[in-house]
């Protein structure tokens, strides 16, 4: 029976680090486990690499190096976590669907793993083999193909639970030896992302895209904005008022005195939209979509939501009937202090003011007598390029800020 040739396997890893130096941290973080139950090499989500001795024996060192890079790519790109999320969202179960995820994950990484010193191993699937376009993500490929005649020759494929999230009976599991903790796995990914960004001229586009997301993960800003509005609208004191319609319970202790009771009414929200010249039409369209979402976050009562458009001057606060019917006036400079003043002059006064702006504006000197949420359109670089001393004002500390986009 063939024993694992570790010297050859580790020589292949050294070769892989020489041709892909930005992956060195991840390659040396993998813990090798000898296994005769895997067809080639496979990984689990705990960064163990299961290796077939027979596969190592019959594979040249250069091709083994490519397989090292291939397997560690599954883990760096979180294919196991993404596979689990995709399966949950789309109700996918069974080994057939996990095989399909493995194939889609291979398509994502194989189009930029090989070449430049790493020969493509025999049987390595690429998007063109399935008549698919290169450069897409696993989730994109999963929507474009099904198992059938085109994929019949890939039934043997098994890169392990680290490639598709499906547990194998040969996995050592979370309590097995030599696994990395969640903190150690995150540290490895961060170090590799640093290496990728440090080699901008020699790294494939897919790895650059991954590294940018690893450093700056996409923020679910719509969820955050909705949560911020709901939190402001349901906070202590919001929508509370006194009424004599029902006497207070404490009135029994004061004979002859009628005390009002405290009741809670639905909160009123005023949305101030920045319509200055620096805000694009696309951002204004996004603002109107957020107005509709804000009305849903306060229970769908559109009569409780009003809108103020503001550049250097504010316009009348109008009640929300349909987001598509709101007229946004402006196009000049920006002074949202006017927008705040118009919102607070409304009768009845709003409990929450939501401001959608690019932030290029002066802000009120004093905190308004209501909760404030700021949805901030992203801006990259200096907006006033002709004025090197210009520093835009940041939203004040008393506002809850969510970056939009």
Protein backbone atom coordinates (compact mmCIF):
# COMPACT_ATOMS: atom_id res chain seq x y z
CA UNK A 1 0.00 0.00 0.00
CA UNK A 2 1.36 3.40 -1.03
CA UNK A 3 2.42 5.68 1.82
CA UNK A 4 2.11 9.44 1.62
CA UNK A 5 5.22 11.02 0.09
CA UNK A 6 5.32 14.07 2.33
CA UNK A 7 8.65 15.26 0.93
CA UNK A 8 7.15 15.51 -2.56
CA UNK A 9 3.96 17.07 -1.21
CA UNK A 10 5.84 19.74 0.73
CA UNK A 11 8.14 20.41 -2.22
CA UNK A 12 5.01 21.14 -4.24
CA UNK A 13 3.85 23.57 -1.56
CA UNK A 14 7.18 25.39 -1.68
CA UNK A 15 6.84 25.62 -5.45
CA UNK A 16 3.33 27.05 -5.02
CA UNK A 17 4.58 29.75 -2.63
CA UNK A 18 7.31 30.69 -5.10
CA UNK A 19 4.87 31.27 -7.98
CA UNK A 20 2.05 32.65 -5.77
CA UNK A 21 3.89 34.38 -2.90
CA UNK A 22 0.80 36.29 -1.71
CA UNK A 23 -0.81 32.93 -0.75
CA UNK A 24 2.14 31.72 1.36
CA UNK A 25 0.46 32.36 4.73
CA UNK A 26 -2.61 30.35 3.75
CA UNK A 27 -0.65 27.50 2.16
CA UNK A 28 1.43 26.95 5.28
CA UNK A 29 -1.64 27.28 7.54
CA UNK A 30 -3.17 24.11 6.02
CA UNK A 31 -2.75 21.00 8.18
CA UNK A 32 -2.09 17.83 6.14
CA UNK A 33 -4.13 14.70 6.94
CA UNK A 34 -3.36 11.48 5.06
CA UNK A 35 -6.55 9.90 3.72
CA UNK A 36 -7.31 7.17 1.18
CA UNK A 37 -10.98 8.18 1.02
CA UNK A 38 -10.46 11.31 -1.06
CA UNK A 39 -9.90 11.09 -4.83
CA UNK A 40 -7.15 13.72 -4.94
CA UNK A 41 -6.91 16.43 -2.27
CA UNK A 42 -9.73 17.94 -0.25
CA UNK A 43 -10.21 20.49 2.54
CA UNK A 44 -12.64 20.97 5.40
CA UNK A 45 -13.82 24.24 6.88
CA UNK A 46 -11.30 23.92 9.73
CA UNK A 47 -8.34 24.23 7.34
CA UNK A 48 -7.32 20.59 7.24
CA UNK A 49 -6.12 19.27 3.89
CA UNK A 50 -6.91 15.59 3.25
CA UNK A 51 -4.44 14.05 0.79
CA UNK A 52 -4.58 10.79 -1.16
CA UNK A 53 -1.15 9.06 -1.13
CA UNK A 54 -1.78 7.52 -4.56
CA UNK A 55 -2.63 10.90 -6.07
CA UNK A 56 0.61 12.43 -4.75
CA UNK A 57 2.61 9.47 -6.06
CA UNK A 58 1.35 9.78 -9.67
CA UNK A 59 1.16 13.60 -9.97
CA UNK A 60 4.13 15.83 -11.01
CA UNK A 61 5.28 18.44 -8.49
CA UNK A 62 4.15 21.39 -10.64
CA UNK A 63 0.62 20.00 -10.92
CA UNK A 64 0.54 19.25 -7.19
CA UNK A 65 1.42 22.90 -6.59
CA UNK A 66 -1.62 23.92 -8.61
CA UNK A 67 -3.84 21.64 -6.52
CA UNK A 68 -2.42 23.19 -3.33
CA UNK A 69 -3.44 26.63 -4.62
CA UNK A 70 -6.80 25.34 -5.78
CA UNK A 71 -7.74 23.82 -2.42
CA UNK A 72 -6.64 26.77 -0.32
CA UNK A 73 -8.59 29.06 -2.64
CA UNK A 74 -11.82 27.33 -1.58
CA UNK A 75 -11.13 28.22 2.04
CA UNK A 76 -9.96 31.77 1.46
CA UNK A 77 -13.07 32.56 -0.58
CA UNK A 78 -15.35 31.02 2.06
CA UNK A 79 -17.00 28.60 -0.37
CA UNK A 80 -18.26 26.46 2.51
CA UNK A 81 -20.05 29.37 4.18
CA UNK A 82 -21.39 30.73 0.91
CA UNK A 83 -22.55 27.25 -0.09
CA UNK A 84 -24.46 26.85 3.17
CA UNK A 85 -26.13 30.25 2.75
CA UNK A 86 -27.08 29.57 -0.88
CA UNK A 87 -28.52 26.16 0.03
CA UNK A 88 -30.57 27.68 2.84
CA UNK A 89 -31.91 30.53 0.71
CA UNK A 90 -32.89 28.28 -2.22
CA UNK A 91 -33.94 25.15 -0.35
CA UNK A 92 -31.20 22.95 -1.83
CA UNK A 93 -30.53 19.58 -0.22
CA UNK A 94 -28.78 16.34 -1.06
CA UNK A 95 -25.36 15.30 -2.38
CA UNK A 96 -26.29 16.23 -5.95
CA UNK A 97 -26.72 19.88 -5.06
CA UNK A 98 -23.49 19.86 -3.07
CA UNK A 99 -21.69 18.44 -6.11
CA UNK A 100 -23.17 21.26 -8.17
CA UNK A 101 -21.86 23.78 -5.63
CA UNK A 102 -18.41 22.18 -5.78
CA UNK A 103 -18.40 22.48 -9.57
CA UNK A 104 -19.55 26.13 -9.41
CA UNK A 105 -16.87 26.93 -6.81
CA UNK A 106 -14.22 25.31 -9.03
CA UNK A 107 -15.40 27.42 -11.97
CA UNK A 108 -14.97 30.56 -9.86
CA UNK A 109 -11.35 29.88 -8.94
CA UNK A 110 -9.97 27.79 -11.82
CA UNK A 111 -10.19 30.54 -14.43
CA UNK A 112 -7.42 32.48 -12.68
CA UNK A 113 -5.55 29.83 -10.64
CA UNK A 114 -3.60 28.18 -13.44
CA UNK A 115 -1.01 29.63 -15.79
CA UNK A 116 2.07 31.70 -14.90
CA UNK A 117 3.99 28.67 -13.60
CA UNK A 118 1.06 26.47 -12.52
CA UNK A 119 -0.01 23.93 -15.17
CA UNK A 120 -3.67 22.97 -15.23
CA UNK A 121 -4.13 19.42 -13.86
CA UNK A 122 -6.01 16.91 -15.96
CA UNK A 123 -9.75 17.05 -15.22
CA UNK A 124 -9.75 20.54 -13.65
CA UNK A 125 -13.09 22.09 -14.63
CA UNK A 126 -13.24 25.59 -16.09
CA UNK A 127 -16.27 27.74 -17.00
CA UNK A 128 -15.73 27.24 -20.75
CA UNK A 129 -16.09 23.46 -20.25
CA UNK A 130 -19.70 24.12 -19.19
CA UNK A 131 -20.26 26.79 -21.88
CA UNK A 132 -20.19 29.53 -19.22
CA UNK A 133 -18.46 32.90 -19.16
CA UNK A 134 -15.28 33.32 -17.12
CA UNK A 135 -14.82 35.74 -14.23
CA UNK A 136 -18.09 35.17 -12.36
CA UNK A 137 -18.81 34.04 -8.81
CA UNK A 138 -19.97 30.68 -7.52
CA UNK A 139 -23.50 31.99 -6.92
CA UNK A 140 -23.71 33.25 -10.51
CA UNK A 141 -22.66 29.88 -11.95
CA UNK A 142 -25.16 28.01 -9.74
CA UNK A 143 -27.98 29.88 -11.44
CA UNK A 144 -26.74 28.98 -14.93
CA UNK A 145 -26.33 25.19 -15.03
CA UNK A 146 -27.78 21.93 -13.73
CA UNK A 147 -26.30 18.46 -13.44
CA UNK A 148 -26.62 16.53 -16.68
CA UNK A 149 -24.72 15.30 -19.69
CA UNK A 150 -22.32 18.26 -19.62
CA UNK A 151 -21.29 17.54 -16.03
CA UNK A 152 -21.45 13.70 -16.08
CA UNK A 153 -17.67 13.39 -16.28
CA UNK A 154 -17.33 15.39 -13.01
CA UNK A 155 -19.22 12.93 -10.78
CA UNK A 156 -15.91 11.96 -9.13
CA UNK A 157 -15.20 15.53 -8.02
CA UNK A 158 -14.91 16.03 -4.27
CA UNK A 159 -12.93 18.94 -2.83
CA UNK A 160 -14.37 18.35 0.64
CA UNK A 161 -16.68 20.27 2.93
CA UNK A 162 -14.44 23.31 2.60
CA UNK A 163 -15.61 23.66 -1.01
CA UNK A 164 -19.38 23.32 -0.64
CA UNK A 165 -20.27 23.20 3.07
CA UNK A 166 -21.55 19.60 3.02
CA UNK A 167 -20.04 17.51 5.82
CA UNK A 168 -18.25 14.25 4.86
CA UNK A 169 -18.05 11.17 7.05
CA UNK A 170 -14.26 11.32 6.82
CA UNK A 171 -14.09 14.88 8.20
CA UNK A 172 -12.39 15.15 11.59
CA UNK A 173 -14.95 17.80 12.56
CA UNK A 174 -14.64 20.79 14.90
CA UNK A 175 -13.23 18.68 17.76
CA UNK A 176 -10.59 16.90 15.67
CA UNK A 177 -6.88 17.60 15.84
CA UNK A 178 -4.99 20.32 13.97
CA UNK A 179 -8.00 22.51 13.10
CA UNK A 180 -7.78 26.31 13.09
CA UNK A 181 -10.05 28.39 15.29
CA UNK A 182 -12.35 31.00 13.76
CA UNK A 183 -9.99 33.78 14.90
CA UNK A 184 -6.99 32.03 13.35
CA UNK A 185 -8.86 31.56 10.06
CA UNK A 186 -9.77 35.26 9.96
CA UNK A 187 -6.16 36.21 10.69
CA UNK A 188 -4.94 34.06 7.77
CA UNK A 189 -7.44 35.66 5.38
CA UNK A 190 -6.40 39.14 6.49
CA UNK A 191 -2.70 38.41 5.98
CA UNK A 192 -3.36 37.00 2.52
CA UNK A 193 -5.48 40.03 1.60
CA UNK A 194 -2.57 42.24 2.64
CA UNK A 195 -0.27 40.21 0.37
CA UNK A 196 -2.67 40.47 -2.56
CA UNK A 197 -2.98 44.25 -2.22
CA UNK A 198 0.82 44.47 -1.92
CA UNK A 199 1.24 42.80 -5.37
CA UNK A 200 -1.23 44.79 -7.51
CA UNK A 201 0.60 44.23 -10.78
CA UNK A 202 0.95 40.44 -10.58
CA UNK A 203 -2.35 39.29 -9.05
CA UNK A 204 -5.33 38.08 -11.10
CA UNK A 205 -8.49 40.18 -11.09
CA UNK A 206 -10.47 37.61 -9.09
CA UNK A 207 -7.99 37.76 -6.22
CA UNK A 208 -7.93 41.57 -6.25
CA UNK A 209 -11.72 41.62 -6.01
CA UNK A 210 -11.60 39.15 -3.12
CA UNK A 211 -8.95 41.15 -1.24
CA UNK A 212 -10.91 44.39 -1.55
CA UNK A 213 -13.98 42.72 -0.05
CA UNK A 214 -11.88 41.13 2.69
CA UNK A 215 -10.61 44.56 3.75
CA UNK A 216 -13.89 46.40 3.14
CA UNK A 217 -16.77 43.91 3.39
CA UNK A 218 -19.99 45.13 1.78
CA UNK A 219 -22.24 46.76 4.35
CA UNK A 220 -25.93 45.81 4.38
CA UNK A 221 -26.80 49.50 4.49
CA UNK A 222 -30.50 49.07 3.71
CA UNK A 223 -30.90 46.80 6.73
CA UNK A 224 -28.87 49.20 8.86
CA UNK A 225 -30.85 52.24 7.71
CA UNK A 226 -34.16 50.49 8.36
CA UNK A 227 -32.98 49.36 11.79
CA UNK A 228 -31.78 52.88 12.62
CA UNK A 229 -35.15 54.39 11.68
CA UNK A 230 -37.09 51.75 13.62
CA UNK A 231 -34.84 52.22 16.65
CA UNK A 232 -35.32 55.99 16.54
CA UNK A 233 -39.08 55.68 16.04
CA UNK A 234 -39.57 53.27 18.94
CA UNK A 235 -37.19 54.89 21.43
CA UNK A 236 -38.26 56.11 24.83
CA UNK A 237 -40.34 59.28 24.61
CA UNK A 238 -41.00 59.05 20.88
CA UNK A 239 -44.69 59.42 20.07
CA UNK A 240 -45.65 59.88 23.73
CA UNK A 241 -48.14 62.57 24.69
CA UNK A 242 -50.56 63.39 27.47
CA UNK A 243 -54.30 62.95 27.10
CA UNK A 244 -57.32 63.64 29.31
CA UNK A 245 -59.35 60.98 27.48
CA UNK A 246 -58.33 58.50 30.19
CA UNK A 247 -57.39 59.77 33.68
CA UNK A 248 -54.06 58.75 35.11
CA UNK A 249 -54.04 55.94 37.65
CA UNK A 250 -52.24 58.20 40.12
CA UNK A 251 -55.26 60.52 40.16
CA UNK A 252 -56.82 58.34 42.89
CA UNK A 253 -54.22 59.70 45.30
CA UNK A 254 -55.22 63.31 44.58
CA UNK A 255 -58.97 63.74 45.15
CA UNK A 256 -60.45 66.57 43.15
CA UNK A 257 -57.50 66.74 40.71
CA UNK A 258 -57.76 65.34 37.19
CA UNK A 259 -54.37 64.14 35.95
CA UNK A 260 -53.75 63.30 32.29
CA UNK A 261 -52.46 59.88 31.31
CA UNK A 262 -49.51 59.22 29.03
CA UNK A 263 -50.38 57.50 25.77
CA UNK A 264 -48.31 56.43 22.83
CA UNK A 265 -49.27 57.37 19.30
CA UNK A 266 -47.63 56.27 16.04
CA UNK A 267 -44.37 58.21 15.45
CA UNK A 268 -44.20 60.87 12.76
CA UNK A 269 -41.18 60.91 10.44
CA UNK A 270 -39.94 63.75 8.24
CA UNK A 271 -37.45 62.89 5.49
CA UNK A 272 -35.12 65.70 4.37
CA UNK A 273 -33.64 64.95 0.92
CA UNK A 274 -30.52 66.79 -0.22
CA UNK A 275 -31.28 68.04 -3.76
CA UNK A 276 -28.12 70.08 -4.25
CA UNK A 277 -26.05 69.99 -7.43
CA UNK A 278 -23.55 67.53 -5.92
CA UNK A 279 -26.21 64.81 -5.55
CA UNK A 280 -26.69 62.75 -8.71
CA UNK A 281 -29.99 61.79 -10.31
CA UNK A 282 -29.28 58.15 -9.45
CA UNK A 283 -28.85 59.07 -5.79
CA UNK A 284 -32.09 61.05 -5.83
CA UNK A 285 -33.83 58.00 -7.26
CA UNK A 286 -32.31 55.90 -4.49
CA UNK A 287 -33.55 58.47 -1.96
CA UNK A 288 -37.13 58.06 -3.21
CA UNK A 289 -36.83 54.29 -2.80
CA UNK A 290 -35.64 54.82 0.75
CA UNK A 291 -38.64 57.06 1.48
CA UNK A 292 -40.94 54.17 0.58
CA UNK A 293 -38.86 51.81 2.74
CA UNK A 294 -38.98 54.28 5.64
CA UNK A 295 -42.77 54.37 5.45
CA UNK A 296 -42.78 50.58 5.77
CA UNK A 297 -40.42 50.70 8.74
CA UNK A 298 -42.98 52.77 10.71
CA UNK A 299 -45.84 50.41 10.00
CA UNK A 300 -46.84 51.46 6.48
CA UNK A 301 -48.71 54.60 7.63
CA UNK A 302 -47.83 56.99 4.79
CA UNK A 303 -49.83 59.76 6.44
CA UNK A 304 -47.18 59.80 9.18
CA UNK A 305 -44.31 60.46 6.73
CA UNK A 306 -43.55 63.84 5.14
CA UNK A 307 -40.77 64.89 2.75
CA UNK A 308 -38.71 68.09 2.50
CA UNK A 309 -36.42 68.71 -0.49
CA UNK A 310 -33.56 71.04 0.32
CA UNK A 311 -30.50 72.53 -1.32
CA UNK A 312 -29.51 75.99 -0.04
CA UNK A 313 -33.20 76.63 0.71
CA UNK A 314 -35.92 74.31 1.88
CA UNK A 315 -39.22 73.60 0.19
CA UNK A 316 -42.54 72.87 1.76
CA UNK A 317 -42.90 69.64 3.70
CA UNK A 318 -45.40 67.53 1.79
CA UNK A 319 -47.15 64.40 3.05
CA UNK A 320 -46.25 61.10 1.44
CA UNK A 321 -48.85 59.66 -0.91
CA UNK A 322 -46.63 57.78 -3.35
CA UNK A 323 -42.83 57.93 -3.46
CA UNK A 324 -42.98 58.22 -7.26
CA UNK A 325 -45.14 61.34 -7.01
CA UNK A 326 -42.78 63.41 -4.87
CA UNK A 327 -41.40 66.51 -6.59
CA UNK A 328 -37.77 67.14 -5.69
CA UNK A 329 -36.73 70.76 -6.19
CA UNK A 330 -33.20 72.10 -5.97
CA UNK A 331 -29.96 71.98 -7.90
CA UNK A 332 -28.00 74.71 -6.17
CA UNK A 333 -25.72 74.77 -3.15
CA UNK A 334 -26.31 72.91 0.08
CA UNK A 335 -27.45 74.10 3.51
CA UNK A 336 -29.39 71.42 5.33
CA UNK A 337 -29.91 73.72 8.28
CA UNK A 338 -32.82 75.09 6.26
CA UNK A 339 -34.15 71.57 5.80
CA UNK A 340 -34.00 70.88 9.54
CA UNK A 341 -35.79 74.18 10.25
CA UNK A 342 -38.56 73.36 7.76
CA UNK A 343 -39.00 69.89 9.21
CA UNK A 344 -39.27 71.19 12.76
CA UNK A 345 -41.79 73.90 11.75
CA UNK A 346 -44.24 71.23 10.62
CA UNK A 347 -47.44 70.85 12.60
CA UNK A 348 -47.53 68.36 14.20
CA UNK A 349 -43.79 68.27 14.81
CA UNK A 350 -42.01 65.05 13.70
CA UNK A 351 -40.66 62.58 16.21
CA UNK A 352 -37.85 61.48 13.87
CA UNK A 353 -35.98 63.39 11.15
CA UNK A 354 -34.24 61.29 8.49
CA UNK A 355 -31.72 63.14 6.31
CA UNK A 356 -30.50 61.68 2.98
CA UNK A 357 -27.44 63.62 1.84
CA UNK A 358 -23.90 63.45 0.50
CA UNK A 359 -22.70 65.30 3.60
CA UNK A 360 -21.37 68.40 1.79
CA UNK A 361 -23.32 70.78 4.00
CA UNK A 362 -23.19 72.75 7.23
CA UNK A 363 -25.13 71.19 10.10
CA UNK A 364 -27.29 72.74 12.84
CA UNK A 365 -25.33 74.04 15.82
CA UNK A 366 -27.79 72.59 18.30
CA UNK A 367 -29.34 69.17 18.58
CA UNK A 368 -32.94 69.12 17.32
CA UNK A 369 -35.70 68.23 19.76
CA UNK A 370 -36.21 64.84 18.07
CA UNK A 371 -34.28 61.76 16.99
CA UNK A 372 -32.11 62.17 13.88
CA UNK A 373 -30.88 59.56 11.39
CA UNK A 374 -28.50 60.50 8.55
CA UNK A 375 -28.25 58.37 5.40
CA UNK A 376 -24.93 59.41 3.88
CA UNK A 377 -24.26 58.88 0.16
CA UNK A 378 -20.74 57.61 -0.42
CA UNK A 379 -18.12 60.07 -1.60
CA UNK A 380 -14.59 59.13 -2.67
CA UNK A 381 -11.87 61.74 -2.54
CA UNK A 382 -12.13 65.53 -2.30
CA UNK A 383 -15.33 66.88 -3.81
CA UNK A 384 -13.95 70.41 -4.30
CA UNK A 385 -10.82 69.48 -6.20
CA UNK A 386 -10.01 73.13 -6.92
CA UNK A 387 -9.84 73.91 -3.18
CA UNK A 388 -7.09 71.82 -1.52
CA UNK A 389 -7.93 73.26 1.93
CA UNK A 390 -11.59 72.23 1.82
CA UNK A 391 -12.64 69.70 4.46
CA UNK A 392 -16.34 68.73 4.42
CA UNK A 393 -18.22 68.85 7.71
CA UNK A 394 -18.97 65.44 9.17
CA UNK A 395 -22.43 64.71 10.57
CA UNK A 396 -22.72 65.74 14.23
CA UNK A 397 -22.38 63.24 17.05
CA UNK A 398 -26.07 63.45 17.96
CA UNK A 399 -27.10 61.89 14.62
CA UNK A 400 -27.19 58.16 13.87
CA UNK A 401 -25.21 57.82 10.60
CA UNK A 402 -25.56 55.03 8.03
CA UNK A 403 -23.47 55.02 4.83
CA UNK A 404 -25.65 54.42 1.75
CA UNK A 405 -24.37 52.45 -1.24
